[in-house]
């Protein structure tokens, strides 16, 4: 793996043994994950999910969903699933997103009162 390819990876090394280009090549497998590798996509996805629940939902919930799906496909499955769940909670807690997606009409059709 060239130097440029190691700089363009989706995960970063935080230190420890084997922080050179050969450690980032993916040949070490799961053993390298315990040596300080950060799942940046998953962390960003979960962060956007939390921001989507507690701040501006229409901005951060789609970002959480997109980053969560990308994290799942990048191999950060638990972080990605957590972000997708947080995105769904963000949709259900945002009246604006519920209006845009028509979830309020769906709840009314089912006879379920809205949570707010």
PDB file of N, CA and C in Angstrom:
ATOM      1  N   UNK A   1       0.852  -1.166   0.000  1.00  0.00           N
ATOM      2  CA  UNK A   1       0.000   0.000   0.000  1.00  0.00           C
ATOM      3  C   UNK A   1       0.899   1.231   0.000  1.00  0.00           C
ATOM      4  N   UNK A   2       0.640   2.155  -0.880  1.00  0.00           N
ATOM      5  CA  UNK A   2       1.470   3.344  -0.980  1.00  0.00           C
ATOM      6  C   UNK A   2       1.158   4.312   0.150  1.00  0.00           C
ATOM      7  N   UNK A   3       1.996   5.315   0.296  1.00  0.00           N
ATOM      8  CA  UNK A   3       1.816   6.308   1.354  1.00  0.00           C
ATOM      9  C   UNK A   3       0.511   7.072   1.176  1.00  0.00           C
ATOM     10  N   UNK A   4       0.148   7.377  -0.070  1.00  0.00           N
ATOM     11  CA  UNK A   4      -1.090   8.106  -0.337  1.00  0.00           C
ATOM     12  C   UNK A   4      -2.306   7.270   0.048  1.00  0.00           C
ATOM     13  N   UNK A   5      -2.267   5.964  -0.211  1.00  0.00           N
ATOM     14  CA  UNK A   5      -3.382   5.100   0.136  1.00  0.00           C
ATOM     15  C   UNK A   5      -3.542   4.963   1.639  1.00  0.00           C
ATOM     16  N   UNK A   6      -2.448   4.993   2.399  1.00  0.00           N
ATOM     17  CA  UNK A   6      -2.563   4.893   3.847  1.00  0.00           C
ATOM     18  C   UNK A   6      -3.157   6.155   4.430  1.00  0.00           C
ATOM     19  N   UNK A   7      -2.962   7.283   3.792  1.00  0.00           N
ATOM     20  CA  UNK A   7      -3.552   8.520   4.285  1.00  0.00           C
ATOM     21  C   UNK A   7      -5.029   8.617   3.956  1.00  0.00           C
ATOM     22  N   UNK A   8      -5.505   7.851   2.986  1.00  0.00           N
ATOM     23  CA  UNK A   8      -6.888   7.927   2.537  1.00  0.00           C
ATOM     24  C   UNK A   8      -7.774   6.842   3.144  1.00  0.00           C
ATOM     25  N   UNK A   9      -7.302   6.142   4.180  1.00  0.00           N
ATOM     26  CA  UNK A   9      -8.112   5.091   4.771  1.00  0.00           C
ATOM     27  C   UNK A   9      -9.221   5.695   5.613  1.00  0.00           C
ATOM     28  N   UNK A  10     -10.248   4.905   5.895  1.00  0.00           N
ATOM     29  CA  UNK A  10     -11.385   5.362   6.674  1.00  0.00           C
ATOM     30  C   UNK A  10     -11.181   5.190   8.167  1.00  0.00           C
ATOM     31  N   UNK A  11     -10.076   4.606   8.570  1.00  0.00           N
ATOM     32  CA  UNK A  11      -9.767   4.390   9.970  1.00  0.00           C
ATOM     33  C   UNK A  11      -8.392   4.974  10.249  1.00  0.00           C
ATOM     34  N   UNK A  12      -8.169   5.406  11.475  1.00  0.00           N
ATOM     35  CA  UNK A  12      -6.878   5.976  11.822  1.00  0.00           C
ATOM     36  C   UNK A  12      -6.250   5.176  12.951  1.00  0.00           C
ATOM     37  N   UNK A  13      -4.966   5.287  13.052  1.00  0.00           N
ATOM     38  CA  UNK A  13      -4.235   4.643  14.129  1.00  0.00           C
ATOM     39  C   UNK A  13      -4.024   5.661  15.236  1.00  0.00           C
ATOM     40  N   UNK A  14      -4.178   5.235  16.487  1.00  0.00           N
ATOM     41  CA  UNK A  14      -3.959   6.139  17.605  1.00  0.00           C
ATOM     42  C   UNK A  14      -2.650   5.882  18.305  1.00  0.00           C
ATOM     43  N   UNK A  15      -1.878   4.979  17.821  1.00  0.00           N
ATOM     44  CA  UNK A  15      -0.584   4.708  18.436  1.00  0.00           C
ATOM     45  C   UNK A  15      -0.422   3.228  18.690  1.00  0.00           C
ATOM     46  N   UNK A  16       0.584   2.898  19.448  1.00  0.00           N
ATOM     47  CA  UNK A  16       0.841   1.498  19.751  1.00  0.00           C
ATOM     48  C   UNK A  16       1.804   0.903  18.744  1.00  0.00           C
ATOM     49  N   UNK A  17       1.927  -0.415  18.800  1.00  0.00           N
ATOM     50  CA  UNK A  17       2.849  -1.099  17.904  1.00  0.00           C
ATOM     51  C   UNK A  17       2.288  -1.164  16.500  1.00  0.00           C
ATOM     52  N   UNK A  18       3.137  -1.096  15.541  1.00  0.00           N
ATOM     53  CA  UNK A  18       2.737  -1.303  14.162  1.00  0.00           C
ATOM     54  C   UNK A  18       1.909  -0.171  13.594  1.00  0.00           C
ATOM     55  N   UNK A  19       2.411   1.055  13.701  1.00  0.00           N
ATOM     56  CA  UNK A  19       1.662   2.178  13.147  1.00  0.00           C
ATOM     57  C   UNK A  19       2.156   2.566  11.761  1.00  0.00           C
ATOM     58  N   UNK A  20       3.026   1.781  11.194  1.00  0.00           N
ATOM     59  CA  UNK A  20       3.540   2.087   9.865  1.00  0.00           C
ATOM     60  C   UNK A  20       2.561   1.675   8.779  1.00  0.00           C
ATOM     61  N   UNK A  21       2.939   1.874   7.516  1.00  0.00           N
ATOM     62  CA  UNK A  21       2.060   1.531   6.403  1.00  0.00           C
ATOM     63  C   UNK A  21       1.701   0.048   6.351  1.00  0.00           C
ATOM     64  N   UNK A  22       2.618  -0.820   6.811  1.00  0.00           N
ATOM     65  CA  UNK A  22       2.296  -2.243   6.780  1.00  0.00           C
ATOM     66  C   UNK A  22       1.227  -2.604   7.801  1.00  0.00           C
ATOM     67  N   UNK A  23       1.086  -1.818   8.877  1.00  0.00           N
ATOM     68  CA  UNK A  23       0.050  -2.087   9.877  1.00  0.00           C
ATOM     69  C   UNK A  23      -1.323  -1.670   9.365  1.00  0.00           C
ATOM     70  N   UNK A  24      -1.355  -0.706   8.464  1.00  0.00           N
ATOM     71  CA  UNK A  24      -2.633  -0.230   7.938  1.00  0.00           C
ATOM     72  C   UNK A  24      -3.101  -1.025   6.734  1.00  0.00           C
ATOM     73  N   UNK A  25      -2.322  -1.985   6.288  1.00  0.00           N
ATOM     74  CA  UNK A  25      -2.669  -2.700   5.068  1.00  0.00           C
ATOM     75  C   UNK A  25      -3.818  -3.658   5.248  1.00  0.00           C
ATOM     76  N   UNK A  26      -4.240  -3.923   6.486  1.00  0.00           N
ATOM     77  CA  UNK A  26      -5.361  -4.811   6.708  1.00  0.00           C
ATOM     78  C   UNK A  26      -4.971  -6.266   6.820  1.00  0.00           C
ATOM     79  N   UNK A  27      -3.678  -6.567   6.809  1.00  0.00           N
ATOM     80  CA  UNK A  27      -3.246  -7.957   6.881  1.00  0.00           C
ATOM     81  C   UNK A  27      -3.278  -8.490   8.298  1.00  0.00           C
ATOM     82  N   UNK A  28      -3.336  -7.619   9.286  1.00  0.00           N
ATOM     83  CA  UNK A  28      -3.334  -8.076  10.668  1.00  0.00           C
ATOM     84  C   UNK A  28      -4.723  -8.462  11.148  1.00  0.00           C
ATOM     85  N   UNK A  29      -5.774  -8.045  10.460  1.00  0.00           N
ATOM     86  CA  UNK A  29      -7.133  -8.455  10.788  1.00  0.00           C
ATOM     87  C   UNK A  29      -7.634  -7.861  12.088  1.00  0.00           C
ATOM     88  N   UNK A  30      -8.293  -8.702  12.879  1.00  0.00           N
ATOM     89  CA  UNK A  30      -8.920  -8.239  14.111  1.00  0.00           C
ATOM     90  C   UNK A  30      -7.898  -7.880  15.175  1.00  0.00           C
ATOM     91  N   UNK A  31      -6.688  -8.406  15.077  1.00  0.00           N
ATOM     92  CA  UNK A  31      -5.672  -8.097  16.073  1.00  0.00           C
ATOM     93  C   UNK A  31      -5.300  -6.626  16.042  1.00  0.00           C
ATOM     94  N   UNK A  32      -5.361  -5.993  14.874  1.00  0.00           N
ATOM     95  CA  UNK A  32      -4.999  -4.582  14.795  1.00  0.00           C
ATOM     96  C   UNK A  32      -6.078  -3.691  15.390  1.00  0.00           C
ATOM     97  N   UNK A  33      -7.300  -4.164  15.470  1.00  0.00           N
ATOM     98  CA  UNK A  33      -8.377  -3.354  16.029  1.00  0.00           C
ATOM     99  C   UNK A  33      -8.181  -3.109  17.514  1.00  0.00           C
ATOM    100  N   UNK A  34      -7.581  -4.043  18.201  1.00  0.00           N
ATOM    101  CA  UNK A  34      -7.363  -3.867  19.626  1.00  0.00           C
ATOM    102  C   UNK A  34      -6.128  -3.020  19.920  1.00  0.00           C
ATOM    103  N   UNK A  35      -5.399  -2.628  18.902  1.00  0.00           N
ATOM    104  CA  UNK A  35      -4.175  -1.862  19.107  1.00  0.00           C
ATOM    105  C   UNK A  35      -4.365  -0.368  18.876  1.00  0.00           C
ATOM    106  N   UNK A  36      -5.594   0.151  18.964  1.00  0.00           N
ATOM    107  CA  UNK A  36      -5.790   1.573  18.903  1.00  0.00           C
ATOM    108  C   UNK A  36      -6.407   2.092  17.633  1.00  0.00           C
ATOM    109  N   UNK A  37      -7.038   1.267  16.843  1.00  0.00           N
ATOM    110  CA  UNK A  37      -7.650   1.732  15.608  1.00  0.00           C
ATOM    111  C   UNK A  37      -9.022   2.341  15.913  1.00  0.00           C
ATOM    112  N   UNK A  38      -9.258   3.562  15.486  1.00  0.00           N
ATOM    113  CA  UNK A  38     -10.524   4.242  15.737  1.00  0.00           C
ATOM    114  C   UNK A  38     -11.493   4.066  14.573  1.00  0.00           C
ATOM    115  N   UNK A  39     -12.734   3.687  14.847  1.00  0.00           N
ATOM    116  CA  UNK A  39     -13.740   3.598  13.785  1.00  0.00           C
ATOM    117  C   UNK A  39     -14.370   4.963  13.544  1.00  0.00           C
ATOM    118  N   UNK A  40     -13.708   5.787  12.753  1.00  0.00           N
ATOM    119  CA  UNK A  40     -14.144   7.172  12.581  1.00  0.00           C
ATOM    120  C   UNK A  40     -15.535   7.283  11.970  1.00  0.00           C
ATOM    121  N   UNK A  41     -15.841   6.495  10.968  1.00  0.00           N
ATOM    122  CA  UNK A  41     -17.170   6.574  10.363  1.00  0.00           C
ATOM    123  C   UNK A  41     -18.254   6.269  11.380  1.00  0.00           C
ATOM    124  N   UNK A  42     -18.045   5.234  12.164  1.00  0.00           N
ATOM    125  CA  UNK A  42     -19.030   4.865  13.180  1.00  0.00           C
ATOM    126  C   UNK A  42     -19.175   5.929  14.249  1.00  0.00           C
ATOM    127  N   UNK A  43     -18.055   6.508  14.656  1.00  0.00           N
ATOM    128  CA  UNK A  43     -18.125   7.563  15.666  1.00  0.00           C
ATOM    129  C   UNK A  43     -18.854   8.800  15.148  1.00  0.00           C
ATOM    130  N   UNK A  44     -18.556   9.184  13.911  1.00  0.00           N
ATOM    131  CA  UNK A  44     -19.269  10.317  13.323  1.00  0.00           C
ATOM    132  C   UNK A  44     -20.753  10.010  13.172  1.00  0.00           C
ATOM    133  N   UNK A  45     -21.082   8.796  12.771  1.00  0.00           N
ATOM    134  CA  UNK A  45     -22.480   8.421  12.562  1.00  0.00           C
ATOM    135  C   UNK A  45     -23.260   8.474  13.865  1.00  0.00           C
ATOM    136  N   UNK A  46     -22.693   7.926  14.933  1.00  0.00           N
ATOM    137  CA  UNK A  46     -23.372   7.958  16.227  1.00  0.00           C
ATOM    138  C   UNK A  46     -23.460   9.391  16.751  1.00  0.00           C
ATOM    139  N   UNK A  47     -22.411  10.157  16.542  1.00  0.00           N
ATOM    140  CA  UNK A  47     -22.454  11.570  16.948  1.00  0.00           C
ATOM    141  C   UNK A  47     -23.533  12.337  16.216  1.00  0.00           C
ATOM    142  N   UNK A  48     -23.650  12.122  14.905  1.00  0.00           N
ATOM    143  CA  UNK A  48     -24.719  12.774  14.150  1.00  0.00           C
ATOM    144  C   UNK A  48     -26.083  12.289  14.608  1.00  0.00           C
ATOM    145  N   UNK A  49     -26.201  11.018  14.973  1.00  0.00           N
ATOM    146  CA  UNK A  49     -27.470  10.495  15.475  1.00  0.00           C
ATOM    147  C   UNK A  49     -27.885  11.168  16.770  1.00  0.00           C
ATOM    148  N   UNK A  50     -26.936  11.333  17.686  1.00  0.00           N
ATOM    149  CA  UNK A  50     -27.246  12.016  18.939  1.00  0.00           C
ATOM    150  C   UNK A  50     -27.581  13.484  18.710  1.00  0.00           C
ATOM    151  N   UNK A  51     -26.842  14.124  17.822  1.00  0.00           N
ATOM    152  CA  UNK A  51     -27.152  15.513  17.495  1.00  0.00           C
ATOM    153  C   UNK A  51     -28.518  15.627  16.829  1.00  0.00           C
ATOM    154  N   UNK A  52     -28.903  14.634  16.049  1.00  0.00           N
ATOM    155  CA  UNK A  52     -30.204  14.641  15.400  1.00  0.00           C
ATOM    156  C   UNK A  52     -31.349  14.532  16.384  1.00  0.00           C
ATOM    157  N   UNK A  53     -31.123  13.840  17.491  1.00  0.00           N
ATOM    158  CA  UNK A  53     -32.171  13.715  18.507  1.00  0.00           C
ATOM    159  C   UNK A  53     -32.274  14.993  19.330  1.00  0.00           C
ATOM    160  N   UNK A  54     -31.143  15.554  19.723  1.00  0.00           N
ATOM    161  CA  UNK A  54     -31.152  16.648  20.680  1.00  0.00           C
ATOM    162  C   UNK A  54     -31.031  18.038  20.066  1.00  0.00           C
ATOM    163  N   UNK A  55     -30.745  18.145  18.773  1.00  0.00           N
ATOM    164  CA  UNK A  55     -30.632  19.472  18.156  1.00  0.00           C
ATOM    165  C   UNK A  55     -31.495  19.501  16.899  1.00  0.00           C
ATOM    166  N   UNK A  56     -30.954  19.993  15.806  1.00  0.00           N
ATOM    167  CA  UNK A  56     -31.692  20.187  14.565  1.00  0.00           C
ATOM    168  C   UNK A  56     -31.802  18.849  13.828  1.00  0.00           C
ATOM    169  N   UNK A  57     -32.955  18.201  13.954  1.00  0.00           N
ATOM    170  CA  UNK A  57     -33.167  16.888  13.363  1.00  0.00           C
ATOM    171  C   UNK A  57     -33.057  16.839  11.853  1.00  0.00           C
ATOM    172  N   UNK A  58     -33.673  17.776  11.121  1.00  0.00           N
ATOM    173  CA  UNK A  58     -33.610  17.688   9.656  1.00  0.00           C
ATOM    174  C   UNK A  58     -32.206  17.785   9.080  1.00  0.00           C
ATOM    175  N   UNK A  59     -31.257  18.285   9.844  1.00  0.00           N
ATOM    176  CA  UNK A  59     -29.877  18.385   9.360  1.00  0.00           C
ATOM    177  C   UNK A  59     -29.089  17.122   9.710  1.00  0.00           C
ATOM    178  N   UNK A  60     -29.172  16.703  10.970  1.00  0.00           N
ATOM    179  CA  UNK A  60     -28.282  15.661  11.453  1.00  0.00           C
ATOM    180  C   UNK A  60     -28.824  14.241  11.293  1.00  0.00           C
ATOM    181  N   UNK A  61     -30.143  14.056  11.241  1.00  0.00           N
ATOM    182  CA  UNK A  61     -30.683  12.702  11.086  1.00  0.00           C
ATOM    183  C   UNK A  61     -30.316  12.095   9.729  1.00  0.00           C
ATOM    184  N   UNK A  62     -30.455  12.822   8.609  1.00  0.00           N
ATOM    185  CA  UNK A  62     -30.001  12.224   7.347  1.00  0.00           C
ATOM    186  C   UNK A  62     -28.500  11.939   7.328  1.00  0.00           C
ATOM    187  N   UNK A  63     -27.704  12.811   7.952  1.00  0.00           N
ATOM    188  CA  UNK A  63     -26.260  12.555   8.031  1.00  0.00           C
ATOM    189  C   UNK A  63     -25.975  11.289   8.838  1.00  0.00           C
ATOM    190  N   UNK A  64     -26.707  11.105   9.938  1.00  0.00           N
ATOM    191  CA  UNK A  64     -26.524   9.897  10.749  1.00  0.00           C
ATOM    192  C   UNK A  64     -26.898   8.655   9.967  1.00  0.00           C
ATOM    193  N   UNK A  65     -27.972   8.730   9.208  1.00  0.00           N
ATOM    194  CA  UNK A  65     -28.397   7.585   8.417  1.00  0.00           C
ATOM    195  C   UNK A  65     -27.377   7.253   7.328  1.00  0.00           C
ATOM    196  N   UNK A  66     -26.897   8.263   6.635  1.00  0.00           N
ATOM    197  CA  UNK A  66     -25.919   8.048   5.562  1.00  0.00           C
ATOM    198  C   UNK A  66     -24.605   7.512   6.125  1.00  0.00           C
ATOM    199  N   UNK A  67     -24.085   8.163   7.164  1.00  0.00           N
ATOM    200  CA  UNK A  67     -22.825   7.709   7.751  1.00  0.00           C
ATOM    201  C   UNK A  67     -22.984   6.339   8.395  1.00  0.00           C
ATOM    202  N   UNK A  68     -24.155   6.054   8.971  1.00  0.00           N
ATOM    203  CA  UNK A  68     -24.391   4.746   9.569  1.00  0.00           C
ATOM    204  C   UNK A  68     -24.376   3.639   8.534  1.00  0.00           C
ATOM    205  N   UNK A  69     -25.015   3.869   7.398  1.00  0.00           N
ATOM    206  CA  UNK A  69     -25.016   2.860   6.340  1.00  0.00           C
ATOM    207  C   UNK A  69     -23.622   2.667   5.757  1.00  0.00           C
ATOM    208  N   UNK A  70     -22.894   3.760   5.592  1.00  0.00           N
ATOM    209  CA  UNK A  70     -21.519   3.648   5.087  1.00  0.00           C
ATOM    210  C   UNK A  70     -20.654   2.900   6.101  1.00  0.00           C
ATOM    211  N   UNK A  71     -20.859   3.163   7.401  1.00  0.00           N
ATOM    212  CA  UNK A  71     -20.085   2.466   8.430  1.00  0.00           C
ATOM    213  C   UNK A  71     -20.380   0.975   8.423  1.00  0.00           C
ATOM    214  N   UNK A  72     -21.640   0.600   8.185  1.00  0.00           N
ATOM    215  CA  UNK A  72     -21.981  -0.819   8.111  1.00  0.00           C
ATOM    216  C   UNK A  72     -21.231  -1.479   6.957  1.00  0.00           C
ATOM    217  N   UNK A  73     -21.229  -0.835   5.799  1.00  0.00           N
ATOM    218  CA  UNK A  73     -20.551  -1.410   4.642  1.00  0.00           C
ATOM    219  C   UNK A  73     -19.033  -1.351   4.763  1.00  0.00           C
ATOM    220  N   UNK A  74     -18.514  -0.466   5.617  1.00  0.00           N
ATOM    221  CA  UNK A  74     -17.070  -0.377   5.818  1.00  0.00           C
ATOM    222  C   UNK A  74     -16.581  -1.357   6.876  1.00  0.00           C
ATOM    223  N   UNK A  75     -17.499  -2.115   7.474  1.00  0.00           N
ATOM    224  CA  UNK A  75     -17.096  -3.120   8.443  1.00  0.00           C
ATOM    225  C   UNK A  75     -17.268  -2.713   9.884  1.00  0.00           C
ATOM    226  N   UNK A  76     -17.777  -1.545  10.143  1.00  0.00           N
ATOM    227  CA  UNK A  76     -18.017  -1.076  11.504  1.00  0.00           C
ATOM    228  C   UNK A  76     -19.496  -1.302  11.822  1.00  0.00           C
ATOM    229  N   UNK A  77     -19.861  -2.565  11.932  1.00  0.00           N
ATOM    230  CA  UNK A  77     -21.264  -2.960  11.942  1.00  0.00           C
ATOM    231  C   UNK A  77     -21.990  -2.465  13.180  1.00  0.00           C
ATOM    232  N   UNK A  78     -21.425  -2.642  14.360  1.00  0.00           N
ATOM    233  CA  UNK A  78     -22.128  -2.229  15.580  1.00  0.00           C
ATOM    234  C   UNK A  78     -22.322  -0.712  15.640  1.00  0.00           C
ATOM    235  N   UNK A  79     -21.299   0.034  15.258  1.00  0.00           N
ATOM    236  CA  UNK A  79     -21.424   1.485  15.232  1.00  0.00           C
ATOM    237  C   UNK A  79     -22.475   1.910  14.211  1.00  0.00           C
ATOM    238  N   UNK A  80     -22.487   1.265  13.061  1.00  0.00           N
ATOM    239  CA  UNK A  80     -23.441   1.601  12.016  1.00  0.00           C
ATOM    240  C   UNK A  80     -24.866   1.300  12.417  1.00  0.00           C
ATOM    241  N   UNK A  81     -25.092   0.149  13.050  1.00  0.00           N
ATOM    242  CA  UNK A  81     -26.439  -0.201  13.498  1.00  0.00           C
ATOM    243  C   UNK A  81     -26.904   0.754  14.583  1.00  0.00           C
ATOM    244  N   UNK A  82     -26.010   1.112  15.496  1.00  0.00           N
ATOM    245  CA  UNK A  82     -26.363   2.077  16.538  1.00  0.00           C
ATOM    246  C   UNK A  82     -26.746   3.424  15.922  1.00  0.00           C
ATOM    247  N   UNK A  83     -26.036   3.829  14.897  1.00  0.00           N
ATOM    248  CA  UNK A  83     -26.339   5.110  14.243  1.00  0.00           C
ATOM    249  C   UNK A  83     -27.671   5.054  13.507  1.00  0.00           C
ATOM    250  N   UNK A  84     -27.969   3.945  12.859  1.00  0.00           N
ATOM    251  CA  UNK A  84     -29.249   3.824  12.153  1.00  0.00           C
ATOM    252  C   UNK A  84     -30.405   3.836  13.154  1.00  0.00           C
ATOM    253  N   UNK A  85     -30.237   3.172  14.293  1.00  0.00           N
ATOM    254  CA  UNK A  85     -31.277   3.200  15.331  1.00  0.00           C
ATOM    255  C   UNK A  85     -31.454   4.613  15.871  1.00  0.00           C
ATOM    256  N   UNK A  86     -30.343   5.314  16.110  1.00  0.00           N
ATOM    257  CA  UNK A  86     -30.434   6.702  16.574  1.00  0.00           C
ATOM    258  C   UNK A  86     -31.083   7.597  15.522  1.00  0.00           C
ATOM    259  N   UNK A  87     -30.841   7.332  14.249  1.00  0.00           N
ATOM    260  CA  UNK A  87     -31.479   8.103  13.183  1.00  0.00           C
ATOM    261  C   UNK A  87     -32.988   7.873  13.182  1.00  0.00           C
ATOM    262  N   UNK A  88     -33.410   6.627  13.402  1.00  0.00           N
ATOM    263  CA  UNK A  88     -34.846   6.349  13.473  1.00  0.00           C
ATOM    264  C   UNK A  88     -35.489   7.022  14.676  1.00  0.00           C
ATOM    265  N   UNK A  89     -34.796   7.024  15.807  1.00  0.00           N
ATOM    266  CA  UNK A  89     -35.295   7.734  16.981  1.00  0.00           C
ATOM    267  C   UNK A  89     -35.355   9.236  16.699  1.00  0.00           C
ATOM    268  N   UNK A  90     -34.368   9.734  15.974  1.00  0.00           N
ATOM    269  CA  UNK A  90     -34.356  11.151  15.606  1.00  0.00           C
ATOM    270  C   UNK A  90     -35.526  11.512  14.704  1.00  0.00           C
ATOM    271  N   UNK A  91     -35.896  10.615  13.794  1.00  0.00           N
ATOM    272  CA  UNK A  91     -37.060  10.869  12.934  1.00  0.00           C
ATOM    273  C   UNK A  91     -38.327  10.909  13.767  1.00  0.00           C
ATOM    274  N   UNK A  92     -38.461   9.987  14.712  1.00  0.00           N
ATOM    275  CA  UNK A  92     -39.663   9.933  15.533  1.00  0.00           C
ATOM    276  C   UNK A  92     -39.743  11.062  16.556  1.00  0.00           C
ATOM    277  N   UNK A  93     -38.613  11.709  16.854  1.00  0.00           N
ATOM    278  CA  UNK A  93     -38.631  12.802  17.821  1.00  0.00           C
ATOM    279  C   UNK A  93     -38.616  14.180  17.158  1.00  0.00           C
ATOM    280  N   UNK A  94     -38.617  14.235  15.847  1.00  0.00           N
ATOM    281  CA  UNK A  94     -38.594  15.512  15.143  1.00  0.00           C
ATOM    282  C   UNK A  94     -39.923  15.735  14.421  1.00  0.00           C
ATOM    283  N   UNK A  95     -40.709  16.700  14.879  1.00  0.00           N
ATOM    284  CA  UNK A  95     -41.983  16.967  14.199  1.00  0.00           C
ATOM    285  C   UNK A  95     -41.796  17.385  12.748  1.00  0.00           C
ATOM    286  N   UNK A  96     -40.722  18.084  12.442  1.00  0.00           N
ATOM    287  CA  UNK A  96     -40.474  18.508  11.067  1.00  0.00           C
ATOM    288  C   UNK A  96     -40.252  17.309  10.155  1.00  0.00           C
ATOM    289  N   UNK A  97     -39.427  16.372  10.589  1.00  0.00           N
ATOM    290  CA  UNK A  97     -39.184  15.184   9.772  1.00  0.00           C
ATOM    291  C   UNK A  97     -40.431  14.311   9.670  1.00  0.00           C
ATOM    292  N   UNK A  98     -41.212  14.251  10.750  1.00  0.00           N
ATOM    293  CA  UNK A  98     -42.439  13.472  10.691  1.00  0.00           C
ATOM    294  C   UNK A  98     -43.417  14.085   9.695  1.00  0.00           C
ATOM    295  N   UNK A  99     -43.446  15.408   9.633  1.00  0.00           N
ATOM    296  CA  UNK A  99     -44.313  16.088   8.674  1.00  0.00           C
ATOM    297  C   UNK A  99     -43.838  15.840   7.248  1.00  0.00           C
ATOM    298  N   UNK A 100     -42.531  15.946   7.036  1.00  0.00           N
ATOM    299  CA  UNK A 100     -41.981  15.755   5.692  1.00  0.00           C
ATOM    300  C   UNK A 100     -42.207  14.326   5.211  1.00  0.00           C
ATOM    301  N   UNK A 101     -42.021  13.359   6.080  1.00  0.00           N
ATOM    302  CA  UNK A 101     -42.145  11.960   5.694  1.00  0.00           C
ATOM    303  C   UNK A 101     -43.572  11.424   5.768  1.00  0.00           C
ATOM    304  N   UNK A 102     -44.493  12.199   6.338  1.00  0.00           N
ATOM    305  CA  UNK A 102     -45.879  11.763   6.427  1.00  0.00           C
ATOM    306  C   UNK A 102     -46.133  10.751   7.512  1.00  0.00           C
ATOM    307  N   UNK A 103     -45.268  10.685   8.499  1.00  0.00           N
ATOM    308  CA  UNK A 103     -45.439   9.709   9.567  1.00  0.00           C
ATOM    309  C   UNK A 103     -46.632  10.084  10.449  1.00  0.00           C
ATOM    310  N   UNK A 104     -46.891  11.384  10.587  1.00  0.00           N
ATOM    311  CA  UNK A 104     -48.050  11.809  11.373  1.00  0.00           C
ATOM    312  C   UNK A 104     -49.347  11.290  10.779  1.00  0.00           C
ATOM    313  N   UNK A 105     -49.473  11.344   9.464  1.00  0.00           N
ATOM    314  CA  UNK A 105     -50.672  10.812   8.809  1.00  0.00           C
ATOM    315  C   UNK A 105     -50.754   9.293   8.985  1.00  0.00           C
ATOM    316  N   UNK A 106     -49.610   8.627   8.962  1.00  0.00           N
ATOM    317  CA  UNK A 106     -49.593   7.176   9.163  1.00  0.00           C
ATOM    318  C   UNK A 106     -50.043   6.828  10.579  1.00  0.00           C
ATOM    319  N   UNK A 107     -49.558   7.582  11.582  1.00  0.00           N
ATOM    320  CA  UNK A 107     -49.992   7.352  12.959  1.00  0.00           C
ATOM    321  C   UNK A 107     -51.484   7.621  13.115  1.00  0.00           C
ATOM    322  N   UNK A 108     -51.974   8.683  12.483  1.00  0.00           N
ATOM    323  CA  UNK A 108     -53.396   8.992  12.552  1.00  0.00           C
ATOM    324  C   UNK A 108     -54.229   7.893  11.891  1.00  0.00           C
ATOM    325  N   UNK A 109     -53.741   7.343  10.813  1.00  0.00           N
ATOM    326  CA  UNK A 109     -54.430   6.261  10.128  1.00  0.00           C
ATOM    327  C   UNK A 109     -54.518   5.013  11.014  1.00  0.00           C
ATOM    328  N   UNK A 110     -53.434   4.766  11.761  1.00  0.00           N
ATOM    329  CA  UNK A 110     -53.417   3.617  12.671  1.00  0.00           C
ATOM    330  C   UNK A 110     -54.162   3.893  13.978  1.00  0.00           C
ATOM    331  N   UNK A 111     -54.467   5.161  14.252  1.00  0.00           N
ATOM    332  CA  UNK A 111     -55.143   5.515  15.507  1.00  0.00           C
ATOM    333  C   UNK A 111     -54.209   5.651  16.675  1.00  0.00           C
ATOM    334  N   UNK A 112     -52.903   5.806  16.419  1.00  0.00           N
ATOM    335  CA  UNK A 112     -51.914   5.951  17.488  1.00  0.00           C
ATOM    336  C   UNK A 112     -51.688   7.439  17.731  1.00  0.00           C
ATOM    337  N   UNK A 113     -51.804   7.900  18.986  1.00  0.00           N
ATOM    338  CA  UNK A 113     -51.534   9.323  19.258  1.00  0.00           C
ATOM    339  C   UNK A 113     -50.061   9.647  19.071  1.00  0.00           C
ATOM    340  N   UNK A 114     -49.781  10.855  18.613  1.00  0.00           N
ATOM    341  CA  UNK A 114     -48.399  11.288  18.394  1.00  0.00           C
ATOM    342  C   UNK A 114     -47.691  11.453  19.738  1.00  0.00           C
ATOM    343  N   UNK A 115     -46.399  11.212  19.796  1.00  0.00           N
ATOM    344  CA  UNK A 115     -45.671  11.254  21.061  1.00  0.00           C
ATOM    345  C   UNK A 115     -45.455  12.657  21.625  1.00  0.00           C
ATOM    346  N   UNK A 116     -45.882  13.704  20.940  1.00  0.00           N
ATOM    347  CA  UNK A 116     -45.683  15.058  21.473  1.00  0.00           C
ATOM    348  C   UNK A 116     -46.965  15.811  21.542  1.00  0.00           C
TER     349      UNK A 116
END
